[in-house]
Protein backbone atom coordinates (compact mmCIF):
# COMPACT_ATOMS: atom_id res chain seq x y z
CA MET A 1 93.83 111.83 32.53
CA SER A 2 93.54 109.52 35.53
CA ASN A 3 95.02 106.77 33.37
CA LEU A 4 98.04 108.96 32.66
CA LYS A 5 98.44 109.68 36.35
CA ASP A 6 98.36 105.98 37.22
CA LEU A 7 101.01 105.26 34.56
CA LYS A 8 103.24 108.03 35.89
CA VAL A 9 102.94 106.74 39.46
CA ARG A 10 103.79 103.23 38.31
CA ILE A 11 106.83 104.43 36.33
CA ASN A 12 108.15 106.30 39.39
CA SER A 13 107.54 103.23 41.56
CA VAL A 14 109.50 100.98 39.19
CA LYS A 15 112.33 103.54 39.05
CA SER A 16 112.54 103.50 42.86
CA THR A 17 112.66 99.69 42.83
CA GLN A 18 115.39 99.80 40.19
CA LYS A 19 117.52 102.04 42.40
CA ILE A 20 117.15 99.59 45.30
CA THR A 21 118.04 96.51 43.22
CA SER A 22 121.00 98.34 41.67
CA ALA A 23 122.30 99.28 45.13
CA MET A 24 121.85 95.71 46.39
CA LYS A 25 123.74 94.41 43.37
CA MET A 26 126.71 96.68 44.10
CA VAL A 27 126.75 95.73 47.79
CA ALA A 28 126.65 92.02 46.93
CA ALA A 29 129.44 92.47 44.38
CA ALA A 30 131.61 94.20 46.98
CA LYS A 31 131.04 91.41 49.50
CA LEU A 32 131.46 88.66 46.93
CA ARG A 33 135.16 89.27 46.30
CA ARG A 34 136.11 88.93 49.97
CA ALA A 35 133.84 85.91 50.47
CA GLN A 36 135.20 84.21 47.35
CA GLU A 37 138.79 84.76 48.46
CA GLY A 38 137.98 83.28 51.88
CA ALA A 39 136.28 80.20 50.42
CA GLU A 40 139.07 79.51 47.93
CA ALA A 41 141.78 80.04 50.54
CA ALA A 42 140.16 77.55 52.95
CA ARG A 43 139.68 74.76 50.40
CA PRO A 44 143.27 73.36 50.54
CA PHE A 45 143.25 73.33 54.35
CA ALA A 46 139.88 71.54 54.56
CA SER A 47 140.98 69.02 51.93
CA ARG A 48 144.30 68.30 53.66
CA MET A 49 142.51 67.98 57.00
CA GLU A 50 140.26 65.27 55.57
CA ARG A 51 143.20 63.44 54.05
CA MET A 52 145.17 63.58 57.29
CA VAL A 53 142.26 62.17 59.30
CA ALA A 54 141.81 59.47 56.66
CA ALA A 55 145.51 58.56 56.84
CA VAL A 56 145.40 58.19 60.62
CA GLY A 57 142.02 56.44 60.62
CA ASP A 58 143.00 53.79 58.05
CA SER A 59 145.28 52.08 60.56
CA ILE A 60 142.61 51.58 63.27
CA ALA A 61 139.31 51.60 61.36
CA GLY A 62 138.88 47.84 61.69
CA ILE A 63 139.99 47.27 65.27
CA ASP A 64 138.15 47.43 68.58
CA GLY A 65 138.27 50.72 70.41
CA ALA A 66 138.15 52.88 67.26
CA PRO A 67 136.37 56.23 67.85
CA ARG A 68 132.66 56.23 67.09
CA MET A 69 133.04 59.32 64.93
CA LEU A 70 135.27 57.24 62.66
CA VAL A 71 133.44 53.92 62.49
CA GLY A 72 129.93 55.05 63.44
CA THR A 73 127.47 53.61 65.93
CA GLY A 74 127.00 50.36 64.02
CA LYS A 75 123.59 51.40 62.69
CA ASP A 76 122.04 54.10 60.50
CA ASP A 77 118.53 54.42 61.89
CA THR A 78 118.61 58.15 62.65
CA HIS A 79 119.97 60.75 60.22
CA LEU A 80 120.77 64.36 61.01
CA ILE A 81 120.67 66.71 58.01
CA VAL A 82 122.30 70.13 58.44
CA ALA A 83 120.73 72.59 55.98
CA CYS A 84 123.08 75.52 55.35
CA THR A 85 121.00 78.42 54.01
CA ALA A 86 120.84 82.19 54.44
CA ASP A 87 118.92 84.42 56.82
CA ARG A 88 117.71 86.63 53.97
CA GLY A 89 116.09 86.11 50.61
CA LEU A 90 116.36 88.01 47.30
CA CYS A 91 119.15 85.71 46.13
CA GLY A 92 117.52 83.73 43.35
CA GLY A 93 117.36 79.99 43.80
CA PHE A 94 120.11 79.86 46.45
CA ASN A 95 117.86 78.89 49.36
CA SER A 96 115.33 76.88 47.37
CA SER A 97 118.05 74.62 45.93
CA ILE A 98 119.18 73.65 49.45
CA ALA A 99 115.59 73.10 50.60
CA ARG A 100 114.89 70.98 47.53
CA GLU A 101 117.94 68.76 48.17
CA VAL A 102 117.14 68.40 51.89
CA ARG A 103 113.51 67.58 51.10
CA LYS A 104 114.61 64.93 48.60
CA MET A 105 117.04 63.35 51.07
CA ALA A 106 114.52 63.37 53.91
CA LEU A 107 111.76 61.79 51.83
CA ASN A 108 114.10 59.06 50.57
CA LEU A 109 115.29 58.28 54.11
CA LYS A 110 111.75 58.17 55.47
CA ARG A 111 110.72 55.91 52.62
CA ASP A 112 113.45 53.52 53.81
CA GLY A 113 112.10 53.62 57.36
CA LYS A 114 114.75 55.97 58.80
CA THR A 115 114.25 58.72 61.35
CA VAL A 116 115.18 62.19 60.08
CA LYS A 117 116.26 65.22 62.11
CA ILE A 118 117.00 68.59 60.52
CA LEU A 119 119.26 71.34 61.85
CA CYS A 120 118.82 74.62 59.97
CA LEU A 121 121.74 77.04 59.69
CA GLY A 122 119.88 80.13 58.51
CA ARG A 123 116.28 81.30 58.85
CA LYS A 124 115.33 80.61 55.23
CA GLY A 125 115.99 76.91 55.68
CA LYS A 126 113.34 76.71 58.36
CA ASP A 127 110.91 78.86 56.36
CA ASN A 128 111.20 76.58 53.33
CA LEU A 129 111.07 73.27 55.21
CA LYS A 130 108.67 73.85 58.10
CA ARG A 131 105.59 73.15 55.99
CA ASP A 132 106.61 69.53 55.29
CA PHE A 133 109.07 68.79 58.11
CA ALA A 134 108.05 71.03 61.02
CA SER A 135 108.23 68.14 63.51
CA ASP A 136 111.67 67.07 62.23
CA ILE A 137 113.41 70.44 62.66
CA ILE A 138 115.25 70.23 65.98
CA ASP A 139 116.83 73.70 65.97
CA THR A 140 117.50 76.79 63.86
CA ILE A 141 120.69 78.80 64.21
CA GLU A 142 120.44 82.35 62.85
CA GLY A 143 122.83 85.27 62.58
CA ILE A 144 125.90 83.34 61.40
CA GLY A 145 128.28 85.58 59.47
CA LYS A 146 126.42 88.86 59.83
CA ARG A 147 129.67 90.60 58.92
CA ASN A 148 132.17 87.84 58.20
CA ILE A 149 132.20 84.11 58.80
CA GLU A 150 134.20 83.41 61.96
CA TYR A 151 135.78 80.08 62.84
CA GLY A 152 134.33 80.34 66.34
CA GLU A 153 130.81 80.22 64.88
CA ALA A 154 131.63 76.99 63.06
CA ILE A 155 133.10 75.52 66.24
CA GLY A 156 129.88 76.36 68.10
CA VAL A 157 127.83 74.46 65.52
CA ALA A 158 130.30 71.59 65.56
CA ASP A 159 130.14 71.35 69.36
CA SER A 160 126.34 71.17 69.23
CA ILE A 161 126.46 68.37 66.65
CA THR A 162 129.15 66.49 68.56
CA GLN A 163 127.20 66.74 71.82
CA LEU A 164 124.06 65.47 70.12
CA PHE A 165 126.05 62.54 68.70
CA ASP A 166 127.54 61.71 72.11
CA ASP A 167 124.00 61.69 73.50
CA ASP A 168 122.99 59.12 70.84
CA GLY A 169 120.83 61.69 69.09
CA PHE A 170 121.68 60.40 65.61
CA ASP A 171 123.77 57.84 63.74
CA VAL A 172 124.69 59.68 60.52
CA CYS A 173 125.18 63.42 59.98
CA THR A 174 125.22 65.08 56.55
CA ILE A 175 125.59 68.78 55.78
CA VAL A 176 123.98 70.23 52.65
CA PHE A 177 125.36 73.50 51.28
CA ASN A 178 126.04 75.36 48.05
CA ARG A 179 129.64 75.10 46.88
CA PHE A 180 130.77 78.26 45.11
CA GLN A 181 131.89 77.89 41.50
CA SER A 182 131.10 81.29 40.01
CA ALA A 183 128.75 84.20 40.54
CA MET A 184 126.21 82.47 38.30
CA THR A 185 126.84 78.86 39.32
CA GLN A 186 126.56 77.25 42.75
CA ILE A 187 126.77 73.47 43.17
CA THR A 188 124.47 71.92 45.77
CA THR A 189 126.68 69.54 47.78
CA ALA A 190 125.88 66.93 50.42
CA GLN A 191 128.87 66.01 52.59
CA GLN A 192 128.80 63.33 55.30
CA LEU A 193 130.39 64.50 58.54
CA ILE A 194 129.67 61.61 60.92
CA PRO A 195 130.83 58.88 60.65
CA PHE A 196 133.91 60.11 58.84
CA ALA A 197 133.77 59.32 55.13
CA VAL A 198 137.10 58.90 53.37
CA PRO A 199 137.27 61.70 50.75
CA GLU A 200 138.30 61.19 47.16
CA ALA A 201 141.64 62.64 46.13
CA LYS A 202 140.97 66.11 44.74
CA ASP A 203 142.85 68.60 42.67
CA GLU A 204 143.04 71.52 45.10
CA SER A 205 143.16 74.07 42.28
CA ASN A 206 139.60 73.39 41.15
CA GLY A 207 138.17 70.94 43.66
CA GLU A 208 137.68 68.16 41.09
CA ALA A 209 138.72 64.57 41.54
CA ALA A 210 142.34 64.13 40.54
CA PRO A 211 143.32 61.20 38.30
CA LYS A 212 145.14 58.37 40.04
CA ALA A 213 148.73 57.70 39.13
CA ALA A 214 149.46 54.64 37.04
CA SER A 215 151.69 53.21 39.76
CA GLU A 216 151.34 54.65 43.21
CA GLY A 217 153.92 52.34 44.77
CA PRO A 218 153.81 50.79 48.25
CA SER A 219 152.00 52.60 51.02
CA PRO A 220 154.26 54.19 53.67
CA ILE A 221 154.27 52.90 57.25
CA PHE A 222 153.73 55.50 59.97
CA ILE A 223 154.63 55.35 63.64
CA PHE A 224 152.27 57.49 65.73
CA GLU A 225 153.09 59.18 68.99
CA PRO A 226 150.81 59.28 70.93
CA GLU A 227 148.54 56.41 69.89
CA GLU A 228 146.21 56.71 66.90
CA GLN A 229 143.13 56.67 69.15
CA ASP A 230 144.44 59.66 71.10
CA ILE A 231 145.24 61.57 67.93
CA LEU A 232 141.84 60.86 66.40
CA SER A 233 140.00 61.86 69.57
CA GLU A 234 141.34 65.36 68.93
CA LEU A 235 141.36 65.36 65.13
CA LEU A 236 137.84 64.10 64.45
CA PRO A 237 135.94 66.84 66.35
CA ARG A 238 138.31 69.43 64.94
CA ASN A 239 137.76 68.08 61.42
CA ILE A 240 133.99 68.53 61.85
CA GLY A 241 134.58 72.17 62.81
CA VAL A 242 136.86 72.70 59.81
CA GLN A 243 134.41 71.13 57.36
CA ILE A 244 131.50 73.17 58.75
CA PHE A 245 133.64 76.31 58.54
CA GLN A 246 134.43 75.49 54.91
CA ALA A 247 130.74 74.88 54.18
CA LEU A 248 129.81 78.24 55.74
CA LEU A 249 132.45 80.04 53.67
CA GLU A 250 131.28 78.34 50.48
CA SER A 251 127.68 79.15 51.35
CA ALA A 252 128.46 82.82 52.03
CA ALA A 253 130.27 83.22 48.71
CA SER A 254 127.44 81.43 46.90
CA GLU A 255 124.84 83.64 48.59
CA HIS A 256 126.56 86.87 47.55
CA GLY A 257 127.09 85.59 44.01
CA ALA A 258 123.47 84.50 43.70
CA ARG A 259 122.21 87.80 45.12
CA MET A 260 124.41 89.83 42.78
CA THR A 261 123.16 87.88 39.76
CA SER A 262 119.55 88.06 40.92
CA MET A 263 119.66 91.80 41.56
CA ASP A 264 121.37 92.39 38.21
CA ASN A 265 118.53 90.56 36.46
CA ALA A 266 115.97 92.49 38.51
CA THR A 267 117.61 95.80 37.56
CA ARG A 268 117.58 94.88 33.88
CA ASN A 269 113.95 93.77 34.07
CA ALA A 270 113.02 97.03 35.80
CA GLY A 271 114.69 98.98 33.00
CA ASP A 272 112.74 97.02 30.39
CA MET A 273 109.51 97.64 32.29
CA ILE A 274 110.24 101.38 32.54
CA ASP A 275 110.81 101.55 28.79
CA LYS A 276 107.58 99.69 28.12
CA LEU A 277 105.54 101.84 30.53
CA THR A 278 107.08 105.03 29.14
CA LEU A 279 106.09 104.00 25.63
CA ILE A 280 102.52 103.29 26.79
CA PHE A 281 102.47 106.60 28.67
CA ASN A 282 103.59 108.58 25.59
CA ARG A 283 101.07 106.83 23.35
CA THR A 284 98.28 107.42 25.86
CA ARG A 285 99.23 111.10 26.26
CA GLN A 286 99.39 111.56 22.49
CA ALA A 287 95.97 109.95 22.12
CA ALA A 288 94.57 112.27 24.80
CA ILE A 289 96.05 115.34 23.09
CA THR A 290 94.66 114.24 19.72
CA THR A 291 91.22 113.71 21.26
CA GLU A 292 91.26 117.17 22.82
CA LEU A 293 92.26 118.77 19.51
CA VAL A 294 89.47 116.95 17.68
CA GLU A 295 86.97 118.14 20.30
CA ILE A 296 88.18 121.75 19.97
CA VAL A 297 88.00 121.69 16.19
CA SER A 298 84.58 120.05 16.28
CA GLY A 299 83.32 122.67 18.71
CA ALA A 300 84.65 125.51 16.56
CA GLU A 301 82.99 124.06 13.49
CA ALA A 302 79.70 123.78 15.36
CA LEU A 303 79.77 127.50 16.26
CA LYS A 304 80.01 128.63 12.63
């Protein structure tokens, strides 16, 4: 009978876990819609911002006095990798995919003799990377987007990165995040922030590279007021904030989608386990009842 009691306790435990995973799935599904709308709404603005900076930067990229954020420091000895993860787990491979990409990038850079620094946006990034790169993690920023992703949070991160760059803390900065595609699919993306990398032309409806026209015609000539350097001195830091904000929005939507999918799978698995344990419980109980009946009959026969 103790075996039956253990099975019953285990069935009740799995049922309690199933209720928790089901509730987490519904919460993630409710948050996913708002996060997805925010990420998709910000994509055209972030894309146009990149293209505008590229249009202004093309005219002064090769001359003296161009901003360092545009042309770089002239070397690429020190790389800053910004790992955009979550503060919580239970979201499938969302965090591990970022850690895997950052680990791959860091190892390749170190193999080439580069210095690597890692800035973690989210506690799980540090947890996954501290075993191999504890000395390379310069800071961890937690609590971003506890309710909703705010632009001010992205600006705070951008200001920290810009200050570190002005202090010659690194030469190249790359942010690694999950770009949202669907609740089941997130694309791990590495985007260079500093120096500014000219983006490919994209179709803003789906984010894919748009085909070039057969004949684009002559390039237009722009007259800037004030000077291009003055415009870029304002646009380049703001572009970093916009791109980080976009990455945070994409990451939030990806996190909720991954958590919803993961909790849905966990709920289904719990249901399968409950069915299996219930079947074992019924078979064990039936075997115990049959044994008791045999013992009673045997005892009655012995008394005759």
